[in-house]
Amino acid sequence: MKSNVTIDRALRDPRLLGAALGDASTWGVWLTILSAAFGEPLGEGEEAVDFAKLAGGRGVPVQRVSELWAVAGRRSGKSRMAAALAVYIAMFERHALAGLLPRARARRADSGGRI
């Protein structure tokens, strides 16, 4: 489900996840790739990074992709981006209680979120 906080904003804003990344200008390629993967329009600063060149000639996705493969070398920030992405999805994406039995949902609500 779509969040009110975009991945680009979350990773650039030092009050959100940007504090963990430091200078956002050094993460331009990753920010471009993740914005595109989430189906967000490419904006601020991403004009310098040619998405088609990064994506092997593909155009920018018009909606969120179901899978993202990145071929990246050593010390390219893969672990840091994977962690930031996991935190972003956990914190800012809406999650349904799909797959839980009605009793489990009730227990979760009564226990303050703990099951």
C-alpha atoms as a PDB file:
ATOM      1  CA  MET A   1       0.000   0.000   0.000  1.00  0.00           C
ATOM      2  CA  LYS A   2       1.209   3.492  -0.799  1.00  0.00           C
ATOM      3  CA  SER A   3       2.730   5.514   2.024  1.00  0.00           C
ATOM      4  CA  ASN A   4       2.447   9.250   2.696  1.00  0.00           C
ATOM      5  CA  VAL A   5       6.236   9.325   3.125  1.00  0.00           C
ATOM      6  CA  THR A   6       8.079   8.536  -0.108  1.00  0.00           C
ATOM      7  CA  ILE A   7      11.249   6.460  -0.087  1.00  0.00           C
ATOM      8  CA  ASP A   8      13.121   9.466  -1.469  1.00  0.00           C
ATOM      9  CA  ARG A   9      11.906  11.750   1.331  1.00  0.00           C
ATOM     10  CA  ALA A  10      12.593   9.145   4.023  1.00  0.00           C
ATOM     11  CA  LEU A  11      16.176   8.603   2.845  1.00  0.00           C
ATOM     12  CA  ARG A  12      16.949  12.304   2.341  1.00  0.00           C
ATOM     13  CA  ASP A  13      15.361  13.682   5.525  1.00  0.00           C
ATOM     14  CA  PRO A  14      17.839  13.644   8.435  1.00  0.00           C
ATOM     15  CA  ARG A  15      14.892  13.451  10.858  1.00  0.00           C
ATOM     16  CA  LEU A  16      13.843  10.158   9.257  1.00  0.00           C
ATOM     17  CA  LEU A  17      16.260   7.615   7.734  1.00  0.00           C
ATOM     18  CA  GLY A  18      18.570  10.192   6.183  1.00  0.00           C
ATOM     19  CA  ALA A  19      20.524  10.535   9.415  1.00  0.00           C
ATOM     20  CA  ALA A  20      21.822   6.988   8.967  1.00  0.00           C
ATOM     21  CA  LEU A  21      23.021   7.715   5.423  1.00  0.00           C
ATOM     22  CA  GLY A  22      24.733  11.027   5.928  1.00  0.00           C
ATOM     23  CA  ASP A  23      25.205  13.215   2.847  1.00  0.00           C
ATOM     24  CA  ALA A  24      22.348  12.271   0.471  1.00  0.00           C
ATOM     25  CA  SER A  25      24.239  13.586  -2.554  1.00  0.00           C
ATOM     26  CA  THR A  26      26.581  10.579  -2.377  1.00  0.00           C
ATOM     27  CA  TRP A  27      23.629   8.187  -2.588  1.00  0.00           C
ATOM     28  CA  GLY A  28      22.177   9.611  -5.836  1.00  0.00           C
ATOM     29  CA  VAL A  29      22.232   6.370  -7.816  1.00  0.00           C
ATOM     30  CA  TRP A  30      20.571   4.368  -5.032  1.00  0.00           C
ATOM     31  CA  LEU A  31      17.957   7.075  -4.431  1.00  0.00           C
ATOM     32  CA  THR A  32      17.143   7.131  -8.136  1.00  0.00           C
ATOM     33  CA  ILE A  33      16.835   3.340  -8.358  1.00  0.00           C
ATOM     34  CA  LEU A  34      14.662   3.062  -5.235  1.00  0.00           C
ATOM     35  CA  SER A  35      12.416   5.984  -6.212  1.00  0.00           C
ATOM     36  CA  ALA A  36      11.855   4.384  -9.603  1.00  0.00           C
ATOM     37  CA  ALA A  37      11.317   0.934  -8.050  1.00  0.00           C
ATOM     38  CA  PHE A  38       8.580   2.384  -5.839  1.00  0.00           C
ATOM     39  CA  GLY A  39       6.927   3.946  -8.888  1.00  0.00           C
ATOM     40  CA  GLU A  40       7.631   7.478  -7.707  1.00  0.00           C
ATOM     41  CA  PRO A  41       8.361  10.262 -10.163  1.00  0.00           C
ATOM     42  CA  LEU A  42      12.063  11.069 -10.390  1.00  0.00           C
ATOM     43  CA  GLY A  43      12.731  14.559  -9.144  1.00  0.00           C
ATOM     44  CA  GLU A  44      15.246  16.535  -7.140  1.00  0.00           C
ATOM     45  CA  GLY A  45      18.835  15.713  -8.058  1.00  0.00           C
ATOM     46  CA  GLU A  46      17.990  12.654 -10.090  1.00  0.00           C
ATOM     47  CA  GLU A  47      18.214  14.453 -13.419  1.00  0.00           C
ATOM     48  CA  ALA A  48      21.993  14.001 -13.184  1.00  0.00           C
ATOM     49  CA  VAL A  49      21.616  10.237 -13.036  1.00  0.00           C
ATOM     50  CA  ASP A  50      20.406   8.755 -16.303  1.00  0.00           C
ATOM     51  CA  PHE A  51      17.938   6.062 -15.243  1.00  0.00           C
ATOM     52  CA  ALA A  52      17.909   4.346 -18.635  1.00  0.00           C
ATOM     53  CA  LYS A  53      21.683   3.964 -18.463  1.00  0.00           C
ATOM     54  CA  LEU A  54      21.455   2.442 -14.988  1.00  0.00           C
ATOM     55  CA  ALA A  55      18.602   0.121 -15.966  1.00  0.00           C
ATOM     56  CA  GLY A  56      20.073  -1.233 -19.185  1.00  0.00           C
ATOM     57  CA  GLY A  57      17.929   0.913 -21.465  1.00  0.00           C
ATOM     58  CA  ARG A  58      14.640   0.348 -19.633  1.00  0.00           C
ATOM     59  CA  GLY A  59      12.309   3.244 -18.969  1.00  0.00           C
ATOM     60  CA  VAL A  60      11.231   4.441 -15.543  1.00  0.00           C
ATOM     61  CA  PRO A  61       8.506   2.147 -14.084  1.00  0.00           C
ATOM     62  CA  VAL A  62       5.065   3.744 -13.868  1.00  0.00           C
ATOM     63  CA  GLN A  63       4.129   1.703 -10.783  1.00  0.00           C
ATOM     64  CA  ARG A  64       5.901  -0.071  -7.939  1.00  0.00           C
ATOM     65  CA  VAL A  65       7.918  -3.058  -9.101  1.00  0.00           C
ATOM     66  CA  SER A  66       7.396  -6.467  -7.550  1.00  0.00           C
ATOM     67  CA  GLU A  67      11.087  -7.349  -7.604  1.00  0.00           C
ATOM     68  CA  LEU A  68      14.359  -5.404  -7.812  1.00  0.00           C
ATOM     69  CA  TRP A  69      17.687  -6.871  -8.832  1.00  0.00           C
ATOM     70  CA  ALA A  70      20.803  -4.766  -8.377  1.00  0.00           C
ATOM     71  CA  VAL A  71      24.212  -5.702  -9.709  1.00  0.00           C
ATOM     72  CA  ALA A  72      26.535  -3.715  -7.488  1.00  0.00           C
ATOM     73  CA  GLY A  73      30.185  -4.003  -6.597  1.00  0.00           C
ATOM     74  CA  ARG A  74      32.029  -4.072  -3.315  1.00  0.00           C
ATOM     75  CA  ARG A  75      31.468  -1.133  -0.954  1.00  0.00           C
ATOM     76  CA  SER A  76      28.543   0.153  -3.023  1.00  0.00           C
ATOM     77  CA  GLY A  77      26.198   0.438  -0.053  1.00  0.00           C
ATOM     78  CA  LYS A  78      24.139  -2.712  -0.675  1.00  0.00           C
ATOM     79  CA  SER A  79      23.836  -3.650   3.002  1.00  0.00           C
ATOM     80  CA  ARG A  80      23.052  -0.111   4.107  1.00  0.00           C
ATOM     81  CA  MET A  81      20.372   0.292   1.402  1.00  0.00           C
ATOM     82  CA  ALA A  82      18.869  -3.113   2.162  1.00  0.00           C
ATOM     83  CA  ALA A  83      18.625  -2.175   5.847  1.00  0.00           C
ATOM     84  CA  ALA A  84      17.178   1.268   5.056  1.00  0.00           C
ATOM     85  CA  LEU A  85      14.665  -0.314   2.695  1.00  0.00           C
ATOM     86  CA  ALA A  86      13.584  -2.869   5.313  1.00  0.00           C
ATOM     87  CA  VAL A  87      13.139  -0.123   7.922  1.00  0.00           C
ATOM     88  CA  TYR A  88      11.233   2.063   5.440  1.00  0.00           C
ATOM     89  CA  ILE A  89       8.813  -0.748   4.565  1.00  0.00           C
ATOM     90  CA  ALA A  90       8.345  -1.680   8.228  1.00  0.00           C
ATOM     91  CA  MET A  91       7.764   1.898   9.376  1.00  0.00           C
ATOM     92  CA  PHE A  92       6.025   3.694   6.532  1.00  0.00           C
ATOM     93  CA  GLU A  93       4.148   1.095   4.486  1.00  0.00           C
ATOM     94  CA  ARG A  94       0.678   0.055   5.563  1.00  0.00           C
ATOM     95  CA  HIS A  95       0.369  -3.601   6.504  1.00  0.00           C
ATOM     96  CA  ALA A  96      -2.763  -5.705   6.581  1.00  0.00           C
ATOM     97  CA  LEU A  97      -3.242  -8.404   9.162  1.00  0.00           C
ATOM     98  CA  ALA A  98      -3.605 -10.866   6.304  1.00  0.00           C
ATOM     99  CA  GLY A  99      -2.950 -14.461   7.199  1.00  0.00           C
ATOM    100  CA  LEU A 100      -3.806 -14.154  10.886  1.00  0.00           C
ATOM    101  CA  LEU A 101      -6.760 -16.021  12.264  1.00  0.00           C
ATOM    102  CA  PRO A 102      -9.546 -13.874  13.792  1.00  0.00           C
ATOM    103  CA  ARG A 103      -8.528 -15.051  17.276  1.00  0.00           C
ATOM    104  CA  ALA A 104      -4.899 -14.008  16.668  1.00  0.00           C
ATOM    105  CA  ARG A 105      -6.045 -10.557  15.526  1.00  0.00           C
ATOM    106  CA  ALA A 106      -8.101 -10.129  18.701  1.00  0.00           C
ATOM    107  CA  ARG A 107      -5.229 -11.317  20.893  1.00  0.00           C
ATOM    108  CA  ARG A 108      -2.859  -8.925  19.137  1.00  0.00           C
ATOM    109  CA  ALA A 109      -5.210  -5.987  19.718  1.00  0.00           C
ATOM    110  CA  ASP A 110      -5.640  -6.895  23.400  1.00  0.00           C
ATOM    111  CA  SER A 111      -1.916  -7.362  24.067  1.00  0.00           C
ATOM    112  CA  GLY A 112      -0.811  -3.926  22.887  1.00  0.00           C
ATOM    113  CA  GLY A 113       0.558  -5.297  19.631  1.00  0.00           C
ATOM    114  CA  ARG A 114       2.409  -8.316  21.099  1.00  0.00           C
ATOM    115  CA  ILE A 115       1.351 -11.797  20.120  1.00  0.00           C
END
